Amino acid sequence: MQGFRKNGHIYILAGLFLITAFIWYAVLREERHMLTVSFLDVGQGDAVFIESPTGNQLLIDGGATASVLRGLGKSIPFFDHSIDMIFATHPDQDHFAGLIDVLRRYRVGLIGENGARNDTATYEAYEQEIIREKAPTHVLHRGERIQLGGGAYLDILFPDRDMAEAESNTGSVVAKLVYGKTSFMLTGDSPIAIENYLSAIDGDALDVDVLKVGHHGSKTSSSETFIGYTSPEYTIISAGKDNKYGHPHHEVLERLQQFGAKILRTDEVGTIVFTSDGTKIQLKK
């Protein structure tokens, strides 16, 4: 009987701890009114976790492996087992494969994609997890504005056409995240041809504070025209340490330096986190 009472007290205390943790998380989230953008270190791949000022969550890409869960574990409270939305910018393994593990770990409200498919066993496993999750899927198109809450929103800039038969990187979703006067450009693996196309359509709309450099710093992305229009204060390169592709390419680094942008790399500093109060962005140390 004494053992039962002792265990009962432990369960009660554990329950109270969980309730208190949840209440404080809710209070702090409500009071801070901050947008948080985390460029997760997933090795050679992309994963961007966004939390709006009201706490709504969006994960754009998931890297190639389950390592994305480690990054999410540092960004999401242990008692939170859901993510509002996940987007795959395009069906390359280093962008979507980690989302398989995300779907197995978290409940997901909506899945966004570019409308293209990948004829591999890994992509089939991803589609099976989507079916099991029973989350609605949505093909993203230029002109859509996704409200994230608290005044933050995501504008889809590309694709503006059917990408089902397009070369994989060409069909990458390109989006601009905006909160107040602050903004981020998220590019997937979008190549120079698409960068210049977007610059020609409406270059003035590309101006941002933070640019996620396309294709991990490959020389197939980051044209001078695009960098000039985005005119970022910070540029983020998501790449694996000593990766076999030689990312980021030295030409891209030189190009970014010419425009005076601060270069931050996940292969050098790990996960990179920014916060915004709608007026200015701050790099978390």
C-alpha atoms as a PDB file:
ATOM      1  CA  MET A   1       0.000   0.000   0.000  1.00  0.00           C
ATOM      2  CA  GLN A   2       2.849   2.375   0.812  1.00  0.00           C
ATOM      3  CA  GLY A   3       4.366   1.696  -2.600  1.00  0.00           C
ATOM      4  CA  PHE A   4       1.054   2.543  -4.234  1.00  0.00           C
ATOM      5  CA  ARG A   5       0.826   5.851  -2.337  1.00  0.00           C
ATOM      6  CA  LYS A   6       4.425   6.685  -3.246  1.00  0.00           C
ATOM      7  CA  ASN A   7       3.832   5.957  -6.926  1.00  0.00           C
ATOM      8  CA  GLY A   8       0.582   7.895  -6.797  1.00  0.00           C
ATOM      9  CA  HIS A   9       2.406  10.952  -5.485  1.00  0.00           C
ATOM     10  CA  ILE A  10       4.973  10.635  -8.269  1.00  0.00           C
ATOM     11  CA  TYR A  11       2.237  10.483 -10.915  1.00  0.00           C
ATOM     12  CA  ILE A  12       0.480  13.504  -9.429  1.00  0.00           C
ATOM     13  CA  LEU A  13       3.708  15.523  -9.335  1.00  0.00           C
ATOM     14  CA  ALA A  14       4.530  14.518 -12.901  1.00  0.00           C
ATOM     15  CA  GLY A  15       1.060  15.561 -14.004  1.00  0.00           C
ATOM     16  CA  LEU A  16       1.362  18.914 -12.248  1.00  0.00           C
ATOM     17  CA  PHE A  17       4.756  19.468 -13.858  1.00  0.00           C
ATOM     18  CA  LEU A  18       3.335  18.820 -17.319  1.00  0.00           C
ATOM     19  CA  ILE A  19       0.388  21.133 -16.716  1.00  0.00           C
ATOM     20  CA  THR A  20       2.659  23.889 -15.383  1.00  0.00           C
ATOM     21  CA  ALA A  21       5.071  23.513 -18.303  1.00  0.00           C
ATOM     22  CA  PHE A  22       2.225  23.709 -20.785  1.00  0.00           C
ATOM     23  CA  ILE A  23       0.719  26.813 -19.123  1.00  0.00           C
ATOM     24  CA  TRP A  24       4.044  28.648 -19.027  1.00  0.00           C
ATOM     25  CA  TYR A  25       4.752  27.743 -22.646  1.00  0.00           C
ATOM     26  CA  ALA A  26       1.350  29.095 -23.682  1.00  0.00           C
ATOM     27  CA  VAL A  27       1.817  32.301 -21.664  1.00  0.00           C
ATOM     28  CA  LEU A  28       5.321  32.982 -22.970  1.00  0.00           C
ATOM     29  CA  ARG A  29       4.287  32.231 -26.532  1.00  0.00           C
ATOM     30  CA  GLU A  30       1.379  34.660 -26.265  1.00  0.00           C
ATOM     31  CA  GLU A  31       3.498  37.420 -24.737  1.00  0.00           C
ATOM     32  CA  ARG A  32       6.542  37.356 -26.980  1.00  0.00           C
ATOM     33  CA  HIS A  33       4.811  38.161 -30.319  1.00  0.00           C
ATOM     34  CA  MET A  34       7.919  36.963 -32.119  1.00  0.00           C
ATOM     35  CA  LEU A  35       8.463  35.117 -35.366  1.00  0.00           C
ATOM     36  CA  THR A  36      11.148  32.431 -35.107  1.00  0.00           C
ATOM     37  CA  VAL A  37      12.897  30.983 -38.154  1.00  0.00           C
ATOM     38  CA  SER A  38      15.328  28.093 -37.644  1.00  0.00           C
ATOM     39  CA  PHE A  39      17.558  26.803 -40.433  1.00  0.00           C
ATOM     40  CA  LEU A  40      18.115  23.329 -39.043  1.00  0.00           C
ATOM     41  CA  ASP A  41      21.434  21.539 -39.379  1.00  0.00           C
ATOM     42  CA  VAL A  42      20.451  18.363 -41.234  1.00  0.00           C
ATOM     43  CA  GLY A  43      23.752  17.751 -42.995  1.00  0.00           C
ATOM     44  CA  GLN A  44      23.603  17.843 -46.798  1.00  0.00           C
ATOM     45  CA  GLY A  45      20.015  18.990 -47.197  1.00  0.00           C
ATOM     46  CA  ASP A  46      17.468  21.641 -46.281  1.00  0.00           C
ATOM     47  CA  ALA A  47      15.054  22.020 -43.378  1.00  0.00           C
ATOM     48  CA  VAL A  48      13.542  25.322 -42.238  1.00  0.00           C
ATOM     49  CA  PHE A  49      11.298  25.427 -39.164  1.00  0.00           C
ATOM     50  CA  ILE A  50       9.056  28.466 -38.752  1.00  0.00           C
ATOM     51  CA  GLU A  51       6.994  29.381 -35.698  1.00  0.00           C
ATOM     52  CA  SER A  52       4.635  32.325 -36.077  1.00  0.00           C
ATOM     53  CA  PRO A  53       3.983  34.914 -33.336  1.00  0.00           C
ATOM     54  CA  THR A  54       0.848  32.960 -32.388  1.00  0.00           C
ATOM     55  CA  GLY A  55       2.665  29.619 -32.264  1.00  0.00           C
ATOM     56  CA  ASN A  56       1.576  28.140 -35.591  1.00  0.00           C
ATOM     57  CA  GLN A  57       4.309  25.924 -37.008  1.00  0.00           C
ATOM     58  CA  LEU A  58       5.536  25.258 -40.533  1.00  0.00           C
ATOM     59  CA  LEU A  59       8.380  22.967 -41.580  1.00  0.00           C
ATOM     60  CA  ILE A  60       9.750  23.525 -45.081  1.00  0.00           C
ATOM     61  CA  ASP A  61      11.728  20.450 -46.197  1.00  0.00           C
ATOM     62  CA  GLY A  62      13.152  17.813 -43.886  1.00  0.00           C
ATOM     63  CA  GLY A  63      16.628  16.932 -45.098  1.00  0.00           C
ATOM     64  CA  ALA A  64      17.620  13.421 -46.137  1.00  0.00           C
ATOM     65  CA  THR A  65      17.489  11.551 -42.822  1.00  0.00           C
ATOM     66  CA  ALA A  66      15.894  11.380 -39.391  1.00  0.00           C
ATOM     67  CA  SER A  67      18.411  13.982 -38.164  1.00  0.00           C
ATOM     68  CA  VAL A  68      15.664  16.562 -38.684  1.00  0.00           C
ATOM     69  CA  LEU A  69      13.983  15.179 -35.558  1.00  0.00           C
ATOM     70  CA  ARG A  70      16.937  16.266 -33.453  1.00  0.00           C
ATOM     71  CA  GLY A  71      16.552  19.832 -34.677  1.00  0.00           C
ATOM     72  CA  LEU A  72      12.799  19.803 -34.178  1.00  0.00           C
ATOM     73  CA  GLY A  73      13.271  18.430 -30.675  1.00  0.00           C
ATOM     74  CA  LYS A  74      15.158  21.609 -29.786  1.00  0.00           C
ATOM     75  CA  SER A  75      12.533  23.848 -31.402  1.00  0.00           C
ATOM     76  CA  ILE A  76       9.293  22.189 -30.280  1.00  0.00           C
ATOM     77  CA  PRO A  77       8.335  21.532 -26.623  1.00  0.00           C
ATOM     78  CA  PHE A  78       8.478  17.868 -25.634  1.00  0.00           C
ATOM     79  CA  PHE A  79       4.733  17.763 -24.989  1.00  0.00           C
ATOM     80  CA  ASP A  80       3.842  19.115 -28.452  1.00  0.00           C
ATOM     81  CA  HIS A  81       3.298  16.246 -30.877  1.00  0.00           C
ATOM     82  CA  SER A  82       1.885  18.187 -33.809  1.00  0.00           C
ATOM     83  CA  ILE A  83       3.065  20.458 -36.617  1.00  0.00           C
ATOM     84  CA  ASP A  84       0.499  22.562 -38.426  1.00  0.00           C
ATOM     85  CA  MET A  85       2.042  22.326 -41.901  1.00  0.00           C
ATOM     86  CA  ILE A  86       4.941  20.673 -43.695  1.00  0.00           C
ATOM     87  CA  PHE A  87       6.030  21.634 -47.210  1.00  0.00           C
ATOM     88  CA  ALA A  88       8.364  19.780 -49.566  1.00  0.00           C
ATOM     89  CA  THR A  89       9.871  22.283 -51.995  1.00  0.00           C
ATOM     90  CA  HIS A  90      10.560  19.503 -54.523  1.00  0.00           C
ATOM     91  CA  PRO A  91      10.945  15.709 -54.511  1.00  0.00           C
ATOM     92  CA  ASP A  92      14.725  15.392 -54.110  1.00  0.00           C
ATOM     93  CA  GLN A  93      15.721  13.041 -51.308  1.00  0.00           C
ATOM     94  CA  ASP A  94      17.779  15.643 -49.424  1.00  0.00           C
ATOM     95  CA  HIS A  95      14.625  17.738 -49.088  1.00  0.00           C
ATOM     96  CA  PHE A  96      11.742  15.290 -48.557  1.00  0.00           C
ATOM     97  CA  ALA A  97      13.129  12.035 -47.106  1.00  0.00           C
ATOM     98  CA  GLY A  98      13.405  13.338 -43.536  1.00  0.00           C
ATOM     99  CA  LEU A  99       9.725  14.237 -43.700  1.00  0.00           C
ATOM    100  CA  ILE A 100       8.952  10.512 -43.539  1.00  0.00           C
ATOM    101  CA  ASP A 101      10.257  10.466 -39.964  1.00  0.00           C
ATOM    102  CA  VAL A 102       8.484  13.739 -39.191  1.00  0.00           C
ATOM    103  CA  LEU A 103       5.166  12.219 -40.272  1.00  0.00           C
ATOM    104  CA  ARG A 104       5.824   9.202 -38.057  1.00  0.00           C
ATOM    105  CA  ARG A 105       6.644  11.362 -35.019  1.00  0.00           C
ATOM    106  CA  TYR A 106       4.193  14.280 -35.330  1.00  0.00           C
ATOM    107  CA  ARG A 107       0.575  14.809 -36.285  1.00  0.00           C
ATOM    108  CA  VAL A 108       0.499  17.067 -39.337  1.00  0.00           C
ATOM    109  CA  GLY A 109      -2.383  19.322 -40.344  1.00  0.00           C
ATOM    110  CA  LEU A 110      -1.512  20.100 -43.985  1.00  0.00           C
ATOM    111  CA  ILE A 111       1.095  18.977 -46.508  1.00  0.00           C
ATOM    112  CA  GLY A 112       2.226  21.311 -49.286  1.00  0.00           C
ATOM    113  CA  GLU A 113       4.147  20.317 -52.411  1.00  0.00           C
ATOM    114  CA  ASN A 114       5.025  21.493 -55.915  1.00  0.00           C
ATOM    115  CA  GLY A 115       3.022  18.835 -57.761  1.00  0.00           C
ATOM    116  CA  ALA A 116       5.998  16.763 -58.956  1.00  0.00           C
ATOM    117  CA  ARG A 117       6.765  13.146 -58.076  1.00  0.00           C
ATOM    118  CA  ASN A 118       9.877  11.027 -57.643  1.00  0.00           C
ATOM    119  CA  ASP A 119       9.854   7.443 -58.899  1.00  0.00           C
ATOM    120  CA  THR A 120      11.861   5.918 -56.055  1.00  0.00           C
ATOM    121  CA  ALA A 121      11.149   3.582 -53.156  1.00  0.00           C
ATOM    122  CA  THR A 122      11.919   6.408 -50.717  1.00  0.00           C
ATOM    123  CA  TYR A 123       9.336   8.685 -52.293  1.00  0.00           C
ATOM    124  CA  GLU A 124       6.800   5.854 -52.291  1.00  0.00           C
ATOM    125  CA  ALA A 125       7.425   5.448 -48.541  1.00  0.00           C
ATOM    126  CA  TYR A 126       6.832   9.188 -48.130  1.00  0.00           C
ATOM    127  CA  GLU A 127       3.519   8.960 -49.986  1.00  0.00           C
ATOM    128  CA  GLN A 128       2.471   5.992 -47.861  1.00  0.00           C
ATOM    129  CA  GLU A 129       3.110   8.010 -44.695  1.00  0.00           C
ATOM    130  CA  ILE A 130       0.978  10.839 -46.088  1.00  0.00           C
ATOM    131  CA  ILE A 131      -1.850   8.371 -46.712  1.00  0.00           C
ATOM    132  CA  ARG A 132      -1.509   6.933 -43.207  1.00  0.00           C
ATOM    133  CA  GLU A 133      -1.490  10.408 -41.660  1.00  0.00           C
ATOM    134  CA  LYS A 134      -4.676  11.317 -43.602  1.00  0.00           C
ATOM    135  CA  ALA A 135      -3.491  14.919 -43.812  1.00  0.00           C
ATOM    136  CA  PRO A 136      -4.786  16.928 -46.769  1.00  0.00           C
ATOM    137  CA  THR A 137      -2.236  17.757 -49.474  1.00  0.00           C
ATOM    138  CA  HIS A 138      -2.082  20.966 -51.460  1.00  0.00           C
ATOM    139  CA  VAL A 139      -0.131  21.917 -54.583  1.00  0.00           C
ATOM    140  CA  LEU A 140       1.430  25.327 -54.019  1.00  0.00           C
ATOM    141  CA  HIS A 141       1.190  28.014 -56.727  1.00  0.00           C
ATOM    142  CA  ARG A 142       2.373  31.564 -57.270  1.00  0.00           C
ATOM    143  CA  GLY A 143      -0.098  34.125 -55.947  1.00  0.00           C
ATOM    144  CA  GLU A 144      -1.043  32.199 -52.817  1.00  0.00           C
ATOM    145  CA  ARG A 145      -0.633  33.892 -49.462  1.00  0.00           C
ATOM    146  CA  ILE A 146      -0.563  31.538 -46.494  1.00  0.00           C
ATOM    147  CA  GLN A 147      -1.474  33.254 -43.240  1.00  0.00           C
ATOM    148  CA  LEU A 148       0.641  31.885 -40.402  1.00  0.00           C
ATOM    149  CA  GLY A 149      -0.901  33.926 -37.590  1.00  0.00           C
ATOM    150  CA  GLY A 150      -0.040  37.106 -35.726  1.00  0.00           C
ATOM    151  CA  GLY A 151       0.506  39.027 -38.955  1.00  0.00           C
ATOM    152  CA  ALA A 152       3.138  36.666 -40.391  1.00  0.00           C
ATOM    153  CA  TYR A 153       2.496  35.205 -43.827  1.00  0.00           C
ATOM    154  CA  LEU A 154       4.156  33.220 -46.598  1.00  0.00           C
ATOM    155  CA  ASP A 155       3.842  34.366 -50.216  1.00  0.00           C
ATOM    156  CA  ILE A 156       4.374  31.645 -52.832  1.00  0.00           C
ATOM    157  CA  LEU A 157       6.426  33.077 -55.717  1.00  0.00           C
ATOM    158  CA  PHE A 158       6.996  29.877 -57.693  1.00  0.00           C
ATOM    159  CA  PRO A 159       5.877  27.589 -59.308  1.00  0.00           C
ATOM    160  CA  ASP A 160       3.423  29.411 -61.542  1.00  0.00           C
ATOM    161  CA  ARG A 161       2.762  26.427 -63.805  1.00  0.00           C
ATOM    162  CA  ASP A 162       2.387  22.638 -63.787  1.00  0.00           C
ATOM    163  CA  MET A 163       5.671  21.138 -62.552  1.00  0.00           C
ATOM    164  CA  ALA A 164       4.775  17.454 -62.960  1.00  0.00           C
ATOM    165  CA  GLU A 165       7.188  16.937 -65.871  1.00  0.00           C
ATOM    166  CA  ALA A 166       9.767  19.596 -64.982  1.00  0.00           C
ATOM    167  CA  GLU A 167      13.363  18.903 -63.968  1.00  0.00           C
ATOM    168  CA  SER A 168      13.303  18.482 -60.202  1.00  0.00           C
ATOM    169  CA  ASN A 169      15.240  21.569 -59.086  1.00  0.00           C
ATOM    170  CA  THR A 170      13.493  23.778 -61.642  1.00  0.00           C
ATOM    171  CA  GLY A 171      10.175  23.086 -59.948  1.00  0.00           C
ATOM    172  CA  SER A 172      11.336  24.081 -56.461  1.00  0.00           C
ATOM    173  CA  VAL A 173       8.888  26.087 -54.414  1.00  0.00           C
ATOM    174  CA  VAL A 174      10.188  29.617 -53.857  1.00  0.00           C
ATOM    175  CA  ALA A 175       8.508  31.562 -51.061  1.00  0.00           C
ATOM    176  CA  LYS A 176       8.867  34.863 -49.234  1.00  0.00           C
ATOM    177  CA  LEU A 177       8.172  34.864 -45.497  1.00  0.00           C
ATOM    178  CA  VAL A 178       7.035  38.256 -44.195  1.00  0.00           C
ATOM    179  CA  TYR A 179       6.420  39.605 -40.711  1.00  0.00           C
ATOM    180  CA  GLY A 180       5.946  43.339 -40.435  1.00  0.00           C
ATOM    181  CA  LYS A 181       8.940  45.051 -42.013  1.00  0.00           C
ATOM    182  CA  THR A 182      11.088  41.907 -41.932  1.00  0.00           C
ATOM    183  CA  SER A 183      11.306  39.135 -44.519  1.00  0.00           C
ATOM    184  CA  PHE A 184      13.050  35.917 -45.565  1.00  0.00           C
ATOM    185  CA  MET A 185      13.493  34.365 -49.021  1.00  0.00           C
ATOM    186  CA  LEU A 186      13.282  30.561 -49.117  1.00  0.00           C
ATOM    187  CA  THR A 187      14.429  29.053 -52.398  1.00  0.00           C
ATOM    188  CA  GLY A 188      14.756  25.259 -52.218  1.00  0.00           C
ATOM    189  CA  ASP A 189      17.111  24.236 -55.040  1.00  0.00           C
ATOM    190  CA  SER A 190      15.797  26.838 -57.475  1.00  0.00           C
ATOM    191  CA  PRO A 191      18.291  27.331 -60.356  1.00  0.00           C
ATOM    192  CA  ILE A 192      19.558  30.544 -61.934  1.00  0.00           C
ATOM    193  CA  ALA A 193      16.999  30.386 -64.758  1.00  0.00           C
ATOM    194  CA  ILE A 194      14.125  30.591 -62.267  1.00  0.00           C
ATOM    195  CA  GLU A 195      15.899  33.209 -60.147  1.00  0.00           C
ATOM    196  CA  ASN A 196      16.262  35.434 -63.207  1.00  0.00           C
ATOM    197  CA  TYR A 197      12.682  34.715 -64.249  1.00  0.00           C
ATOM    198  CA  LEU A 198      11.390  35.887 -60.867  1.00  0.00           C
ATOM    199  CA  SER A 199      13.654  38.928 -61.076  1.00  0.00           C
ATOM    200  CA  ALA A 200      12.155  39.809 -64.462  1.00  0.00           C
ATOM    201  CA  ILE A 201       8.553  39.370 -63.256  1.00  0.00           C
ATOM    202  CA  ASP A 202       8.849  41.636 -60.218  1.00  0.00           C
ATOM    203  CA  GLY A 203      12.372  42.155 -58.985  1.00  0.00           C
ATOM    204  CA  ASP A 204      11.398  44.842 -56.487  1.00  0.00           C
ATOM    205  CA  ALA A 205       9.245  42.315 -54.593  1.00  0.00           C
ATOM    206  CA  LEU A 206      12.287  40.117 -53.913  1.00  0.00           C
ATOM    207  CA  ASP A 207      13.969  42.432 -51.387  1.00  0.00           C
ATOM    208  CA  VAL A 208      14.509  40.592 -48.071  1.00  0.00           C
ATOM    209  CA  ASP A 209      16.580  40.644 -44.893  1.00  0.00           C
ATOM    210  CA  VAL A 210      17.584  36.970 -45.061  1.00  0.00           C
ATOM    211  CA  LEU A 211      18.171  34.814 -48.144  1.00  0.00           C
ATOM    212  CA  LYS A 212      18.331  31.031 -47.934  1.00  0.00           C
ATOM    213  CA  VAL A 213      20.854  30.446 -50.716  1.00  0.00           C
ATOM    214  CA  GLY A 214      19.594  28.093 -53.425  1.00  0.00           C
ATOM    215  CA  HIS A 215      20.837  24.514 -53.859  1.00  0.00           C
ATOM    216  CA  HIS A 216      23.181  24.494 -50.859  1.00  0.00           C
ATOM    217  CA  GLY A 217      25.502  27.048 -52.437  1.00  0.00           C
ATOM    218  CA  SER A 218      25.879  25.257 -55.777  1.00  0.00           C
ATOM    219  CA  LYS A 219      27.025  27.432 -58.687  1.00  0.00           C
ATOM    220  CA  THR A 220      23.791  26.459 -60.484  1.00  0.00           C
ATOM    221  CA  SER A 221      22.026  29.003 -58.245  1.00  0.00           C
ATOM    222  CA  SER A 222      22.642  32.502 -56.850  1.00  0.00           C
ATOM    223  CA  SER A 223      22.867  34.729 -59.916  1.00  0.00           C
ATOM    224  CA  GLU A 224      24.156  38.262 -59.492  1.00  0.00           C
ATOM    225  CA  THR A 225      20.781  39.557 -60.662  1.00  0.00           C
ATOM    226  CA  PHE A 226      18.894  37.616 -58.005  1.00  0.00           C
ATOM    227  CA  ILE A 227      21.290  38.511 -55.196  1.00  0.00           C
ATOM    228  CA  GLY A 228      21.077  42.131 -56.253  1.00  0.00           C
ATOM    229  CA  TYR A 229      17.286  42.194 -56.109  1.00  0.00           C
ATOM    230  CA  THR A 230      17.063  40.297 -52.827  1.00  0.00           C
ATOM    231  CA  SER A 231      19.842  42.473 -51.314  1.00  0.00           C
ATOM    232  CA  PRO A 232      19.979  40.417 -48.099  1.00  0.00           C
ATOM    233  CA  GLU A 233      21.744  41.369 -44.910  1.00  0.00           C
ATOM    234  CA  TYR A 234      22.233  37.672 -44.121  1.00  0.00           C
ATOM    235  CA  THR A 235      22.591  34.678 -46.419  1.00  0.00           C
ATOM    236  CA  ILE A 236      22.148  31.107 -45.192  1.00  0.00           C
ATOM    237  CA  ILE A 237      23.838  28.110 -46.778  1.00  0.00           C
ATOM    238  CA  SER A 238      22.522  24.721 -45.682  1.00  0.00           C
ATOM    239  CA  ALA A 239      25.117  22.080 -46.519  1.00  0.00           C
ATOM    240  CA  GLY A 240      26.835  19.059 -45.039  1.00  0.00           C
ATOM    241  CA  LYS A 241      30.350  19.266 -43.658  1.00  0.00           C
ATOM    242  CA  ASP A 242      32.945  18.086 -46.210  1.00  0.00           C
ATOM    243  CA  ASN A 243      30.156  17.049 -48.585  1.00  0.00           C
ATOM    244  CA  LYS A 244      31.092  15.289 -51.829  1.00  0.00           C
ATOM    245  CA  TYR A 245      29.504  17.993 -54.002  1.00  0.00           C
ATOM    246  CA  GLY A 246      31.874  20.752 -52.940  1.00  0.00           C
ATOM    247  CA  HIS A 247      29.015  22.908 -51.648  1.00  0.00           C
ATOM    248  CA  PRO A 248      29.151  25.810 -51.246  1.00  0.00           C
ATOM    249  CA  HIS A 249      31.008  26.646 -54.448  1.00  0.00           C
ATOM    250  CA  HIS A 250      33.724  29.283 -54.147  1.00  0.00           C
ATOM    251  CA  GLU A 251      32.172  31.326 -56.979  1.00  0.00           C
ATOM    252  CA  VAL A 252      28.935  31.630 -55.022  1.00  0.00           C
ATOM    253  CA  LEU A 253      30.772  32.666 -51.854  1.00  0.00           C
ATOM    254  CA  GLU A 254      32.658  35.330 -53.796  1.00  0.00           C
ATOM    255  CA  ARG A 255      29.429  36.563 -55.373  1.00  0.00           C
ATOM    256  CA  LEU A 256      27.709  36.892 -51.998  1.00  0.00           C
ATOM    257  CA  GLN A 257      30.709  38.693 -50.540  1.00  0.00           C
ATOM    258  CA  GLN A 258      30.669  41.180 -53.414  1.00  0.00           C
ATOM    259  CA  PHE A 259      27.174  42.213 -52.350  1.00  0.00           C
ATOM    260  CA  GLY A 260      28.254  42.643 -48.733  1.00  0.00           C
ATOM    261  CA  ALA A 261      26.006  39.925 -47.332  1.00  0.00           C
ATOM    262  CA  LYS A 262      26.897  38.143 -44.099  1.00  0.00           C
ATOM    263  CA  ILE A 263      27.315  34.440 -44.864  1.00  0.00           C
ATOM    264  CA  LEU A 264      26.196  31.835 -42.321  1.00  0.00           C
ATOM    265  CA  ARG A 265      26.656  28.117 -42.973  1.00  0.00           C
ATOM    266  CA  THR A 266      25.114  25.153 -41.176  1.00  0.00           C
ATOM    267  CA  ASP A 267      28.224  23.070 -41.904  1.00  0.00           C
ATOM    268  CA  GLU A 268      30.238  25.570 -39.876  1.00  0.00           C
ATOM    269  CA  VAL A 269      27.926  26.772 -37.099  1.00  0.00           C
ATOM    270  CA  GLY A 270      25.104  24.208 -36.980  1.00  0.00           C
ATOM    271  CA  THR A 271      21.479  25.293 -36.706  1.00  0.00           C
ATOM    272  CA  ILE A 272      20.934  29.007 -37.371  1.00  0.00           C
ATOM    273  CA  VAL A 273      18.049  30.769 -35.615  1.00  0.00           C
ATOM    274  CA  PHE A 274      16.553  34.201 -36.247  1.00  0.00           C
ATOM    275  CA  THR A 275      13.783  35.987 -34.391  1.00  0.00           C
ATOM    276  CA  SER A 276      11.761  38.955 -35.592  1.00  0.00           C
ATOM    277  CA  ASP A 277       9.476  41.354 -33.742  1.00  0.00           C
ATOM    278  CA  GLY A 278       8.181  42.683 -37.050  1.00  0.00           C
ATOM    279  CA  THR A 279      10.536  45.660 -36.998  1.00  0.00           C
ATOM    280  CA  LYS A 280      13.971  44.067 -36.915  1.00  0.00           C
ATOM    281  CA  ILE A 281      15.495  40.617 -37.070  1.00  0.00           C
ATOM    282  CA  GLN A 282      17.917  39.241 -34.525  1.00  0.00           C
ATOM    283  CA  LEU A 283      20.376  36.389 -34.942  1.00  0.00           C
ATOM    284  CA  LYS A 284      20.285  34.176 -31.862  1.00  0.00           C
ATOM    285  CA  LYS A 285      23.743  33.303 -30.577  1.00  0.00           C
END
